[in-house]
Amino acid sequence: MPPPAPATPTLHYIHYIRFQSPTRSPGGAGQRPDPRAVEFPAYGQRLVRRHVPASATAWFKSTADELLARVPGYLDLLAAHDVACVRLTSPVVPGRVVHEDEHQIVTVPTRPA
């Protein structure tokens, strides 16, 4: 009897998901922390301060199922107060990564060549 065929590996492609207002706030980026120093938890360490430009945006990884499952409730809350929100999806990393963890990336736009 021949040995069983090897299992075909399953490829999983991560894409990136962001929720944002369809319009910019009058001041540009909206209410944000001081962009010169944002604290990110470093696993097993105390908070690490990193320089993050005001143009930085956070994107969920498509594998962040537990966090993405919470989003509909927040979208319902925004809709109840007539606050528009759109979902953006990117199949590629949407800029230069300045922070990454298990659930998200934070990117800044790359300059055109």
C-alpha atoms as a PDB file:
ATOM      1  CA  MET A   1       0.000   0.000   0.000  1.00  0.00           C
ATOM      2  CA  PRO A   2       1.477   3.400  -0.985  1.00  0.00           C
ATOM      3  CA  PRO A   3       2.080   6.030   1.699  1.00  0.00           C
ATOM      4  CA  PRO A   4      -0.542   8.797   1.975  1.00  0.00           C
ATOM      5  CA  ALA A   5       0.000  11.853  -0.169  1.00  0.00           C
ATOM      6  CA  PRO A   6       1.593  14.763   1.687  1.00  0.00           C
ATOM      7  CA  ALA A   7      -0.782  17.501   2.760  1.00  0.00           C
ATOM      8  CA  THR A   8      -0.862  20.501   0.476  1.00  0.00           C
ATOM      9  CA  PRO A   9       0.355  23.538   2.384  1.00  0.00           C
ATOM     10  CA  THR A  10      -2.217  26.260   2.809  1.00  0.00           C
ATOM     11  CA  LEU A  11      -0.955  29.679   1.820  1.00  0.00           C
ATOM     12  CA  HIS A  12      -2.422  32.577   3.742  1.00  0.00           C
ATOM     13  CA  TYR A  13      -1.932  36.039   2.348  1.00  0.00           C
ATOM     14  CA  ILE A  14      -2.265  38.873   4.815  1.00  0.00           C
ATOM     15  CA  HIS A  15      -4.002  42.002   3.647  1.00  0.00           C
ATOM     16  CA  TYR A  16      -4.438  45.217   5.591  1.00  0.00           C
ATOM     17  CA  ILE A  17      -7.665  46.882   6.731  1.00  0.00           C
ATOM     18  CA  ARG A  18      -8.274  50.439   7.886  1.00  0.00           C
ATOM     19  CA  PHE A  19     -11.404  52.336   8.928  1.00  0.00           C
ATOM     20  CA  GLN A  20     -11.440  56.098   8.516  1.00  0.00           C
ATOM     21  CA  SER A  21     -13.562  59.130   7.811  1.00  0.00           C
ATOM     22  CA  PRO A  22     -14.207  59.732   4.101  1.00  0.00           C
ATOM     23  CA  THR A  23     -13.328  63.415   4.612  1.00  0.00           C
ATOM     24  CA  ARG A  24     -10.342  65.099   6.219  1.00  0.00           C
ATOM     25  CA  SER A  25     -10.877  67.191   9.299  1.00  0.00           C
ATOM     26  CA  PRO A  26     -10.323  70.966   8.919  1.00  0.00           C
ATOM     27  CA  GLY A  27      -6.969  70.676  10.694  1.00  0.00           C
ATOM     28  CA  GLY A  28      -5.783  67.828   8.462  1.00  0.00           C
ATOM     29  CA  ALA A  29      -5.053  64.761  10.548  1.00  0.00           C
ATOM     30  CA  GLY A  30      -7.737  65.269  13.204  1.00  0.00           C
ATOM     31  CA  GLN A  31      -7.286  64.718  16.911  1.00  0.00           C
ATOM     32  CA  ARG A  32      -4.076  62.791  17.381  1.00  0.00           C
ATOM     33  CA  PRO A  33      -1.450  62.418  20.038  1.00  0.00           C
ATOM     34  CA  ASP A  34       1.727  64.434  19.703  1.00  0.00           C
ATOM     35  CA  PRO A  35       3.254  62.806  16.594  1.00  0.00           C
ATOM     36  CA  ARG A  36       6.805  63.368  17.800  1.00  0.00           C
ATOM     37  CA  ALA A  37       6.609  60.614  20.397  1.00  0.00           C
ATOM     38  CA  VAL A  38       4.001  57.887  20.485  1.00  0.00           C
ATOM     39  CA  GLU A  39       4.234  55.074  23.009  1.00  0.00           C
ATOM     40  CA  PHE A  40       4.062  51.497  21.783  1.00  0.00           C
ATOM     41  CA  PRO A  41       4.148  48.587  24.191  1.00  0.00           C
ATOM     42  CA  ALA A  42       7.222  46.476  23.562  1.00  0.00           C
ATOM     43  CA  TYR A  43       6.407  42.945  24.629  1.00  0.00           C
ATOM     44  CA  GLY A  44       8.111  42.066  27.878  1.00  0.00           C
ATOM     45  CA  GLN A  45       9.490  45.587  28.211  1.00  0.00           C
ATOM     46  CA  ARG A  46       8.316  48.942  29.406  1.00  0.00           C
ATOM     47  CA  LEU A  47       6.810  51.398  26.929  1.00  0.00           C
ATOM     48  CA  VAL A  48       9.109  52.467  24.117  1.00  0.00           C
ATOM     49  CA  ARG A  49       8.881  55.977  22.702  1.00  0.00           C
ATOM     50  CA  ARG A  50       9.309  56.206  18.951  1.00  0.00           C
ATOM     51  CA  HIS A  51       9.206  59.086  16.521  1.00  0.00           C
ATOM     52  CA  VAL A  52       6.067  58.669  14.406  1.00  0.00           C
ATOM     53  CA  PRO A  53       5.200  61.309  11.768  1.00  0.00           C
ATOM     54  CA  ALA A  54       1.733  62.884  11.686  1.00  0.00           C
ATOM     55  CA  SER A  55       1.185  61.148   8.337  1.00  0.00           C
ATOM     56  CA  ALA A  56       1.315  57.711  10.010  1.00  0.00           C
ATOM     57  CA  THR A  57      -1.748  55.473   9.718  1.00  0.00           C
ATOM     58  CA  ALA A  58      -2.611  52.256  11.528  1.00  0.00           C
ATOM     59  CA  TRP A  59      -3.898  49.210   9.656  1.00  0.00           C
ATOM     60  CA  PHE A  60      -5.287  45.983  11.082  1.00  0.00           C
ATOM     61  CA  LYS A  61      -3.798  42.774   9.738  1.00  0.00           C
ATOM     62  CA  SER A  62      -6.471  40.547   8.212  1.00  0.00           C
ATOM     63  CA  THR A  63      -5.412  37.875  10.712  1.00  0.00           C
ATOM     64  CA  ALA A  64      -6.502  40.042  13.687  1.00  0.00           C
ATOM     65  CA  ASP A  65      -9.860  38.231  13.872  1.00  0.00           C
ATOM     66  CA  GLU A  66     -10.542  38.962  17.539  1.00  0.00           C
ATOM     67  CA  LEU A  67     -10.024  42.704  17.111  1.00  0.00           C
ATOM     68  CA  LEU A  68     -11.823  42.946  13.771  1.00  0.00           C
ATOM     69  CA  ALA A  69     -14.836  41.183  15.312  1.00  0.00           C
ATOM     70  CA  ARG A  70     -15.305  44.234  17.564  1.00  0.00           C
ATOM     71  CA  VAL A  71     -15.394  46.759  14.716  1.00  0.00           C
ATOM     72  CA  PRO A  72     -19.099  46.415  13.730  1.00  0.00           C
ATOM     73  CA  GLY A  73     -20.181  47.649  17.166  1.00  0.00           C
ATOM     74  CA  TYR A  74     -18.009  50.739  16.797  1.00  0.00           C
ATOM     75  CA  LEU A  75     -19.305  51.338  13.266  1.00  0.00           C
ATOM     76  CA  ASP A  76     -22.881  51.115  14.585  1.00  0.00           C
ATOM     77  CA  LEU A  77     -22.051  53.684  17.252  1.00  0.00           C
ATOM     78  CA  LEU A  78     -20.573  56.058  14.664  1.00  0.00           C
ATOM     79  CA  ALA A  79     -23.583  55.587  12.361  1.00  0.00           C
ATOM     80  CA  ALA A  80     -25.982  56.316  15.244  1.00  0.00           C
ATOM     81  CA  HIS A  81     -24.312  59.733  15.526  1.00  0.00           C
ATOM     82  CA  ASP A  82     -24.197  60.337  11.752  1.00  0.00           C
ATOM     83  CA  VAL A  83     -20.413  59.986  11.603  1.00  0.00           C
ATOM     84  CA  ALA A  84     -19.338  58.546   8.265  1.00  0.00           C
ATOM     85  CA  CYS A  85     -16.702  55.838   8.177  1.00  0.00           C
ATOM     86  CA  VAL A  86     -15.269  53.887   5.244  1.00  0.00           C
ATOM     87  CA  ARG A  87     -13.346  50.626   5.114  1.00  0.00           C
ATOM     88  CA  LEU A  88     -10.106  50.563   3.145  1.00  0.00           C
ATOM     89  CA  THR A  89      -8.366  47.323   2.202  1.00  0.00           C
ATOM     90  CA  SER A  90      -4.864  46.968   0.793  1.00  0.00           C
ATOM     91  CA  PRO A  91      -3.407  43.718  -0.576  1.00  0.00           C
ATOM     92  CA  VAL A  92       0.126  45.110  -0.119  1.00  0.00           C
ATOM     93  CA  VAL A  93       1.838  46.943   2.722  1.00  0.00           C
ATOM     94  CA  PRO A  94       0.465  50.495   2.318  1.00  0.00           C
ATOM     95  CA  GLY A  95       3.678  52.443   2.947  1.00  0.00           C
ATOM     96  CA  ARG A  96       6.833  52.187   5.021  1.00  0.00           C
ATOM     97  CA  VAL A  97       6.262  50.267   8.247  1.00  0.00           C
ATOM     98  CA  VAL A  98       7.255  52.205  11.390  1.00  0.00           C
ATOM     99  CA  HIS A  99       5.634  49.768  13.838  1.00  0.00           C
ATOM    100  CA  GLU A 100       4.371  46.220  13.601  1.00  0.00           C
ATOM    101  CA  ASP A 101       2.928  43.761  16.050  1.00  0.00           C
ATOM    102  CA  GLU A 102       0.801  40.644  15.882  1.00  0.00           C
ATOM    103  CA  HIS A 103      -2.399  42.567  15.068  1.00  0.00           C
ATOM    104  CA  GLN A 104      -1.456  45.718  13.179  1.00  0.00           C
ATOM    105  CA  ILE A 105       1.030  47.772  11.276  1.00  0.00           C
ATOM    106  CA  VAL A 106       1.593  51.518  11.393  1.00  0.00           C
ATOM    107  CA  THR A 107       2.855  52.986   8.139  1.00  0.00           C
ATOM    108  CA  VAL A 108       3.931  56.292   6.685  1.00  0.00           C
ATOM    109  CA  PRO A 109       3.522  57.109   2.991  1.00  0.00           C
ATOM    110  CA  THR A 110       6.485  56.293   0.781  1.00  0.00           C
ATOM    111  CA  ARG A 111       7.799  59.031  -1.415  1.00  0.00           C
ATOM    112  CA  PRO A 112       7.419  58.504  -5.162  1.00  0.00           C
ATOM    113  CA  ALA A 113      10.725  57.735  -6.915  1.00  0.00           C
END
